[in-house]
Amino acid sequence: MKVEVRRYATLAQPANGRLPGEPESVELPEGATIADLLRRLSLAAGDVHLAIVDGRIRHSREEALQDGARVALFPPVGGG
């Protein structure tokens, strides 16, 4: 199955020169979870603070993704 991934902020920097928010297509086996996607992208669990799948925030990394899902990944953000 294929999912569309968009990485934001610091997560976009190592993404093969892609700009933040630029979509990339990722091939995953059927039944793959958000955690599987993060492993496929070589992202540690702590690197991603927020995962939004098809417009909804997902708190569980063990949730299965569907073919054609649109996933947005955001790192932890600090500031003041």
Protein backbone atom coordinates (compact mmCIF):
# COMPACT_ATOMS: atom_id res chain seq x y z
CA MET A 1 0.00 0.00 0.00
CA LYS A 2 1.07 3.60 -0.47
CA VAL A 3 0.68 6.50 1.92
CA GLU A 4 1.44 10.18 1.40
CA VAL A 5 3.73 11.65 4.04
CA ARG A 6 4.45 15.31 4.74
CA ARG A 7 7.22 16.18 7.20
CA TYR A 8 7.32 19.54 8.90
CA ALA A 9 9.93 21.70 10.66
CA THR A 10 13.12 19.80 11.54
CA LEU A 11 11.71 16.49 10.28
CA ALA A 12 11.91 17.83 6.71
CA GLN A 13 15.64 18.57 6.81
CA PRO A 14 16.91 15.00 6.34
CA ALA A 15 14.15 14.09 3.90
CA ASN A 16 16.26 13.96 0.75
CA GLY A 17 16.25 17.73 0.33
CA ARG A 18 12.45 18.03 0.42
CA LEU A 19 10.96 21.26 1.66
CA PRO A 20 8.78 21.21 4.79
CA GLY A 21 5.32 19.97 3.90
CA GLU A 22 6.33 18.65 0.49
CA PRO A 23 4.59 15.29 -0.05
CA GLU A 24 6.43 12.03 -0.49
CA SER A 25 4.95 8.66 -1.35
CA VAL A 26 5.94 5.76 0.91
CA GLU A 27 5.29 2.10 0.14
CA LEU A 28 4.33 -0.03 3.17
CA PRO A 29 2.99 -3.56 3.63
CA GLU A 30 -0.74 -3.97 4.21
CA GLY A 31 -1.66 -3.49 7.86
CA ALA A 32 1.35 -1.27 8.58
CA THR A 33 1.04 1.05 11.56
CA ILE A 34 2.21 4.58 12.23
CA ALA A 35 5.15 3.04 14.15
CA ASP A 36 6.03 0.99 11.03
CA LEU A 37 5.96 4.17 8.96
CA LEU A 38 8.30 5.94 11.38
CA ARG A 39 10.73 3.01 11.23
CA ARG A 40 10.56 3.02 7.41
CA LEU A 41 11.45 6.73 7.47
CA SER A 42 14.28 6.08 9.99
CA LEU A 43 12.63 8.34 12.56
CA ALA A 44 12.91 7.58 16.28
CA ALA A 45 9.66 7.65 18.24
CA GLY A 46 10.89 10.70 20.17
CA ASP A 47 11.55 12.59 16.94
CA VAL A 48 7.82 12.80 16.19
CA HIS A 49 5.55 14.58 18.64
CA LEU A 50 2.42 14.76 16.51
CA ALA A 51 1.06 12.48 13.81
CA ILE A 52 -2.03 13.55 11.89
CA VAL A 53 -3.66 10.92 9.67
CA ASP A 54 -6.31 12.03 7.22
CA GLY A 55 -6.87 15.24 9.17
CA ARG A 56 -7.17 13.65 12.63
CA ILE A 57 -4.59 13.62 15.40
CA ARG A 58 -3.52 10.08 16.23
CA HIS A 59 -2.17 9.39 19.70
CA SER A 60 -1.47 5.68 19.24
CA ARG A 61 1.49 4.76 17.06
CA GLU A 62 0.03 1.25 16.78
CA GLU A 63 -2.94 2.40 14.72
CA ALA A 64 -3.06 0.73 11.31
CA LEU A 65 -2.83 2.92 8.24
CA GLN A 66 -5.02 2.53 5.17
CA ASP A 67 -3.95 2.60 1.54
CA GLY A 68 -3.91 6.19 0.36
CA ALA A 69 -3.72 7.67 3.86
CA ARG A 70 -2.30 11.18 4.16
CA VAL A 71 0.06 11.51 7.11
CA ALA A 72 1.57 14.72 8.50
CA LEU A 73 4.46 14.44 10.97
CA PHE A 74 5.58 17.18 13.35
CA PRO A 75 8.54 17.25 15.77
CA PRO A 76 8.42 18.49 19.36
CA VAL A 77 8.47 22.28 19.35
CA GLY A 78 9.85 24.60 21.99
CA GLY A 79 10.17 28.30 22.28
CA GLY A 80 9.36 31.23 24.34
